[in-house]
C-alpha atoms as a PDB file:
ATOM      1  CA  UNK A   1      26.511 -17.704 -13.512  1.00  0.00           C
ATOM      2  CA  UNK A   2      23.025 -17.281 -14.146  1.00  0.00           C
ATOM      3  CA  UNK A   3      21.914 -19.048 -11.031  1.00  0.00           C
ATOM      4  CA  UNK A   4      23.687 -16.362  -9.325  1.00  0.00           C
ATOM      5  CA  UNK A   5      22.617 -13.460 -11.016  1.00  0.00           C
ATOM      6  CA  UNK A   6      19.086 -14.108 -10.782  1.00  0.00           C
ATOM      7  CA  UNK A   7      19.568 -14.938  -6.922  1.00  0.00           C
ATOM      8  CA  UNK A   8      21.213 -11.354  -6.751  1.00  0.00           C
ATOM      9  CA  UNK A   9      18.261 -10.015  -8.872  1.00  0.00           C
ATOM     10  CA  UNK A  10      15.873 -11.601  -6.544  1.00  0.00           C
ATOM     11  CA  UNK A  11      17.627 -10.500  -3.579  1.00  0.00           C
ATOM     12  CA  UNK A  12      17.574  -7.093  -4.462  1.00  0.00           C
ATOM     13  CA  UNK A  13      14.009  -7.062  -5.275  1.00  0.00           C
ATOM     14  CA  UNK A  14      13.034  -8.058  -1.840  1.00  0.00           C
ATOM     15  CA  UNK A  15      14.847  -5.556  -0.517  1.00  0.00           C
ATOM     16  CA  UNK A  16      13.335  -3.137  -2.304  1.00  0.00           C
ATOM     17  CA  UNK A  17      10.001  -4.482  -1.263  1.00  0.00           C
ATOM     18  CA  UNK A  18      11.276  -4.934   2.151  1.00  0.00           C
ATOM     19  CA  UNK A  19      12.398  -0.702   2.243  1.00  0.00           C
ATOM     20  CA  UNK A  20       8.985  -0.106   0.806  1.00  0.00           C
ATOM     21  CA  UNK A  21       7.215  -2.106   3.736  1.00  0.00           C
ATOM     22  CA  UNK A  22       9.381  -0.298   6.257  1.00  0.00           C
ATOM     23  CA  UNK A  23       8.289   3.508   5.047  1.00  0.00           C
ATOM     24  CA  UNK A  24       4.989   2.535   5.634  1.00  0.00           C
ATOM     25  CA  UNK A  25       2.994   3.386   8.881  1.00  0.00           C
ATOM     26  CA  UNK A  26       1.627   0.563  10.968  1.00  0.00           C
ATOM     27  CA  UNK A  27      -1.950   1.321  10.328  1.00  0.00           C
ATOM     28  CA  UNK A  28      -1.269   1.079   6.560  1.00  0.00           C
ATOM     29  CA  UNK A  29       1.168  -2.387   7.074  1.00  0.00           C
ATOM     30  CA  UNK A  30      -1.151  -4.171   9.195  1.00  0.00           C
ATOM     31  CA  UNK A  31      -4.353  -3.919   6.870  1.00  0.00           C
ATOM     32  CA  UNK A  32      -2.213  -4.586   3.570  1.00  0.00           C
ATOM     33  CA  UNK A  33      -0.391  -7.741   4.930  1.00  0.00           C
ATOM     34  CA  UNK A  34      -3.674  -8.810   6.291  1.00  0.00           C
ATOM     35  CA  UNK A  35      -5.344  -8.253   2.958  1.00  0.00           C
ATOM     36  CA  UNK A  36      -2.388  -9.750   0.913  1.00  0.00           C
ATOM     37  CA  UNK A  37      -2.736 -12.877   3.237  1.00  0.00           C
ATOM     38  CA  UNK A  38      -6.213 -12.902   2.808  1.00  0.00           C
ATOM     39  CA  UNK A  39      -6.188 -12.705  -1.173  1.00  0.00           C
ATOM     40  CA  UNK A  40      -3.260 -15.222  -1.260  1.00  0.00           C
ATOM     41  CA  UNK A  41      -5.301 -17.819   0.347  1.00  0.00           C
ATOM     42  CA  UNK A  42      -8.482 -16.829  -1.521  1.00  0.00           C
ATOM     43  CA  UNK A  43      -6.542 -17.559  -4.624  1.00  0.00           C
ATOM     44  CA  UNK A  44      -5.489 -20.837  -3.536  1.00  0.00           C
ATOM     45  CA  UNK A  45      -9.378 -21.439  -2.535  1.00  0.00           C
ATOM     46  CA  UNK A  46     -10.572 -20.385  -6.361  1.00  0.00           C
ATOM     47  CA  UNK A  47      -7.997 -22.688  -8.124  1.00  0.00           C
ATOM     48  CA  UNK A  48      -9.466 -25.480  -5.946  1.00  0.00           C
ATOM     49  CA  UNK A  49      -5.865 -25.889  -4.305  1.00  0.00           C
ATOM     50  CA  UNK A  50      -7.060 -26.146  -0.722  1.00  0.00           C
ATOM     51  CA  UNK A  51     -10.853 -26.517   0.822  1.00  0.00           C
ATOM     52  CA  UNK A  52     -12.378 -24.009   3.016  1.00  0.00           C
ATOM     53  CA  UNK A  53     -11.107 -24.915   6.715  1.00  0.00           C
ATOM     54  CA  UNK A  54     -13.785 -25.997   8.730  1.00  0.00           C
ATOM     55  CA  UNK A  55     -13.856 -24.113  11.546  1.00  0.00           C
ATOM     56  CA  UNK A  56     -15.300 -26.210  13.929  1.00  0.00           C
ATOM     57  CA  UNK A  57     -12.251 -28.515  14.189  1.00  0.00           C
ATOM     58  CA  UNK A  58     -10.730 -25.309  16.127  1.00  0.00           C
ATOM     59  CA  UNK A  59     -13.151 -24.248  18.377  1.00  0.00           C
ATOM     60  CA  UNK A  60     -15.088 -27.274  19.207  1.00  0.00           C
ATOM     61  CA  UNK A  61     -13.661 -28.194  22.841  1.00  0.00           C
ATOM     62  CA  UNK A  62     -14.630 -24.285  23.550  1.00  0.00           C
ATOM     63  CA  UNK A  63     -18.733 -24.968  22.728  1.00  0.00           C
ATOM     64  CA  UNK A  64     -19.496 -25.362  26.482  1.00  0.00           C
ATOM     65  CA  UNK A  65     -18.016 -22.027  27.713  1.00  0.00           C
ATOM     66  CA  UNK A  66     -19.749 -18.637  28.122  1.00  0.00           C
ATOM     67  CA  UNK A  67     -19.318 -16.136  24.787  1.00  0.00           C
ATOM     68  CA  UNK A  68     -16.878 -13.940  26.587  1.00  0.00           C
ATOM     69  CA  UNK A  69     -14.513 -16.573  27.619  1.00  0.00           C
ATOM     70  CA  UNK A  70     -14.366 -17.991  23.936  1.00  0.00           C
ATOM     71  CA  UNK A  71     -14.063 -14.378  22.679  1.00  0.00           C
ATOM     72  CA  UNK A  72     -10.961 -13.990  25.377  1.00  0.00           C
ATOM     73  CA  UNK A  73      -8.758 -17.088  24.743  1.00  0.00           C
ATOM     74  CA  UNK A  74      -9.708 -17.044  20.765  1.00  0.00           C
ATOM     75  CA  UNK A  75      -9.041 -13.035  20.131  1.00  0.00           C
ATOM     76  CA  UNK A  76      -6.866 -11.895  22.976  1.00  0.00           C
ATOM     77  CA  UNK A  77      -4.845 -14.977  24.815  1.00  0.00           C
ATOM     78  CA  UNK A  78      -4.301 -16.928  21.920  1.00  0.00           C
ATOM     79  CA  UNK A  79      -2.410 -14.472  19.806  1.00  0.00           C
ATOM     80  CA  UNK A  80      -0.292 -13.241  22.348  1.00  0.00           C
ATOM     81  CA  UNK A  81       0.929 -16.718  23.588  1.00  0.00           C
ATOM     82  CA  UNK A  82       1.306 -17.463  19.853  1.00  0.00           C
ATOM     83  CA  UNK A  83       2.952 -14.572  19.198  1.00  0.00           C
ATOM     84  CA  UNK A  84       5.795 -15.233  21.494  1.00  0.00           C
ATOM     85  CA  UNK A  85       5.831 -18.650  20.464  1.00  0.00           C
ATOM     86  CA  UNK A  86       6.288 -18.475  17.045  1.00  0.00           C
ATOM     87  CA  UNK A  87       7.555 -15.311  16.196  1.00  0.00           C
ATOM     88  CA  UNK A  88       9.269 -13.481  18.758  1.00  0.00           C
ATOM     89  CA  UNK A  89      11.462 -16.478  20.136  1.00  0.00           C
ATOM     90  CA  UNK A  90      12.221 -18.551  17.020  1.00  0.00           C
ATOM     91  CA  UNK A  91      13.189 -15.506  14.891  1.00  0.00           C
ATOM     92  CA  UNK A  92      15.059 -13.472  18.080  1.00  0.00           C
ATOM     93  CA  UNK A  93      17.244 -16.900  19.110  1.00  0.00           C
ATOM     94  CA  UNK A  94      17.841 -17.648  15.241  1.00  0.00           C
ATOM     95  CA  UNK A  95      19.111 -13.942  15.009  1.00  0.00           C
ATOM     96  CA  UNK A  96      21.567 -13.926  18.028  1.00  0.00           C
ATOM     97  CA  UNK A  97      23.059 -17.325  17.131  1.00  0.00           C
ATOM     98  CA  UNK A  98      23.431 -15.024  13.846  1.00  0.00           C
ATOM     99  CA  UNK A  99      22.142 -12.321  12.036  1.00  0.00           C
ATOM    100  CA  UNK A 100      22.792 -14.049   8.695  1.00  0.00           C
ATOM    101  CA  UNK A 101      19.921 -16.136   9.774  1.00  0.00           C
ATOM    102  CA  UNK A 102      17.206 -13.268   9.021  1.00  0.00           C
ATOM    103  CA  UNK A 103      15.684 -15.516   5.778  1.00  0.00           C
ATOM    104  CA  UNK A 104      15.980 -18.639   7.605  1.00  0.00           C
ATOM    105  CA  UNK A 105      14.351 -17.157  10.890  1.00  0.00           C
ATOM    106  CA  UNK A 106      11.755 -15.808   8.823  1.00  0.00           C
ATOM    107  CA  UNK A 107      10.896 -19.113   7.144  1.00  0.00           C
ATOM    108  CA  UNK A 108      11.080 -21.121  10.233  1.00  0.00           C
ATOM    109  CA  UNK A 109       8.865 -18.933  12.435  1.00  0.00           C
ATOM    110  CA  UNK A 110       6.346 -19.543   9.594  1.00  0.00           C
ATOM    111  CA  UNK A 111       6.654 -23.261   9.445  1.00  0.00           C
ATOM    112  CA  UNK A 112       6.256 -23.639  12.908  1.00  0.00           C
ATOM    113  CA  UNK A 113       3.028 -21.366  12.896  1.00  0.00           C
ATOM    114  CA  UNK A 114       1.967 -23.434  10.049  1.00  0.00           C
ATOM    115  CA  UNK A 115       2.457 -26.860  11.911  1.00  0.00           C
ATOM    116  CA  UNK A 116       0.965 -25.708  14.991  1.00  0.00           C
ATOM    117  CA  UNK A 117      -2.544 -25.471  12.653  1.00  0.00           C
ATOM    118  CA  UNK A 118      -3.068 -28.799  12.168  1.00  0.00           C
ATOM    119  CA  UNK A 119      -6.663 -29.267  12.291  1.00  0.00           C
ATOM    120  CA  UNK A 120      -6.525 -29.898   8.544  1.00  0.00           C
ATOM    121  CA  UNK A 121      -4.435 -29.386   5.599  1.00  0.00           C
ATOM    122  CA  UNK A 122      -6.054 -26.226   4.511  1.00  0.00           C
ATOM    123  CA  UNK A 123      -5.434 -24.972   8.495  1.00  0.00           C
ATOM    124  CA  UNK A 124      -1.987 -25.833   7.503  1.00  0.00           C
ATOM    125  CA  UNK A 125      -1.722 -23.900   4.263  1.00  0.00           C
ATOM    126  CA  UNK A 126      -3.501 -20.525   6.059  1.00  0.00           C
ATOM    127  CA  UNK A 127      -1.445 -20.986   8.903  1.00  0.00           C
ATOM    128  CA  UNK A 128       1.671 -20.795   6.479  1.00  0.00           C
ATOM    129  CA  UNK A 129       0.117 -17.556   4.529  1.00  0.00           C
ATOM    130  CA  UNK A 130      -0.311 -16.216   8.211  1.00  0.00           C
ATOM    131  CA  UNK A 131       3.036 -17.042   9.637  1.00  0.00           C
ATOM    132  CA  UNK A 132       4.231 -15.381   6.631  1.00  0.00           C
ATOM    133  CA  UNK A 133       2.561 -12.267   6.965  1.00  0.00           C
ATOM    134  CA  UNK A 134       3.714 -12.142  10.634  1.00  0.00           C
ATOM    135  CA  UNK A 135       6.820 -12.536   9.987  1.00  0.00           C
ATOM    136  CA  UNK A 136       7.062  -9.920   7.398  1.00  0.00           C
ATOM    137  CA  UNK A 137       5.374  -7.407   9.986  1.00  0.00           C
ATOM    138  CA  UNK A 138       7.528  -8.810  12.883  1.00  0.00           C
ATOM    139  CA  UNK A 139      10.824  -7.939  11.088  1.00  0.00           C
ATOM    140  CA  UNK A 140       9.423  -4.546   9.379  1.00  0.00           C
ATOM    141  CA  UNK A 141       8.584  -3.560  13.154  1.00  0.00           C
ATOM    142  CA  UNK A 142      11.473  -4.760  14.658  1.00  0.00           C
ATOM    143  CA  UNK A 143      13.817  -3.031  11.975  1.00  0.00           C
ATOM    144  CA  UNK A 144      11.706   0.245  12.761  1.00  0.00           C
ATOM    145  CA  UNK A 145      11.107   0.491  16.282  1.00  0.00           C
ATOM    146  CA  UNK A 146      12.564  -2.716  17.934  1.00  0.00           C
ATOM    147  CA  UNK A 147      11.787  -5.641  19.718  1.00  0.00           C
ATOM    148  CA  UNK A 148       8.919  -4.929  21.674  1.00  0.00           C
ATOM    149  CA  UNK A 149       6.867  -2.988  19.082  1.00  0.00           C
ATOM    150  CA  UNK A 150       7.234  -6.013  16.557  1.00  0.00           C
ATOM    151  CA  UNK A 151       5.896  -8.052  19.272  1.00  0.00           C
ATOM    152  CA  UNK A 152       2.831  -5.701  20.097  1.00  0.00           C
ATOM    153  CA  UNK A 153       2.002  -5.132  16.458  1.00  0.00           C
ATOM    154  CA  UNK A 154       2.281  -8.436  15.866  1.00  0.00           C
ATOM    155  CA  UNK A 155      -0.028  -9.596  18.291  1.00  0.00           C
ATOM    156  CA  UNK A 156      -2.528  -6.952  17.701  1.00  0.00           C
ATOM    157  CA  UNK A 157      -2.164  -7.842  13.767  1.00  0.00           C
ATOM    158  CA  UNK A 158      -3.197 -11.530  14.841  1.00  0.00           C
ATOM    159  CA  UNK A 159      -5.703 -10.515  17.552  1.00  0.00           C
ATOM    160  CA  UNK A 160      -7.604  -8.566  14.351  1.00  0.00           C
ATOM    161  CA  UNK A 161      -7.095 -11.491  12.237  1.00  0.00           C
ATOM    162  CA  UNK A 162      -8.819 -13.862  15.126  1.00  0.00           C
ATOM    163  CA  UNK A 163     -11.317 -11.765  15.609  1.00  0.00           C
ATOM    164  CA  UNK A 164     -12.171 -11.372  11.954  1.00  0.00           C
ATOM    165  CA  UNK A 165     -12.637 -15.167  12.086  1.00  0.00           C
ATOM    166  CA  UNK A 166     -14.644 -15.256  15.176  1.00  0.00           C
ATOM    167  CA  UNK A 167     -17.155 -13.113  13.577  1.00  0.00           C
ATOM    168  CA  UNK A 168     -17.681 -14.895  10.793  1.00  0.00           C
END
């Protein structure tokens, strides 16, 4: 009985947080989620649970290409493709199967996104945290203004994240 009560409290708290996030304008939502993701990643780094990912593993095949090609690929093309493959498709397919699969769709989206970033264990963890933040953003924006708005908001959020990584 206690497990049922505690799960309902968790569900209620999650719904309250989700409701609060839905009321935020997108220009607050995106930086907030990016900050939460970076903070979670930073805490894991701080406590030594993961190592700093080596950025050269993901970019070494592009080293000989001109800067504008690398910038286009990493900051524009990859976020668009990954948003379609790892948020839009899995979430929308699962929701078409059943609306009750919302949480499963959210988690699957994050896991698929993480598994795709297999350069190192740290990248997988970073990918999972990013996948969670992109999933939250997708669902919040989907509920507010629909699938198209959710796709473009997450893609732009992903582009901003990749631009920061590209510059650093």
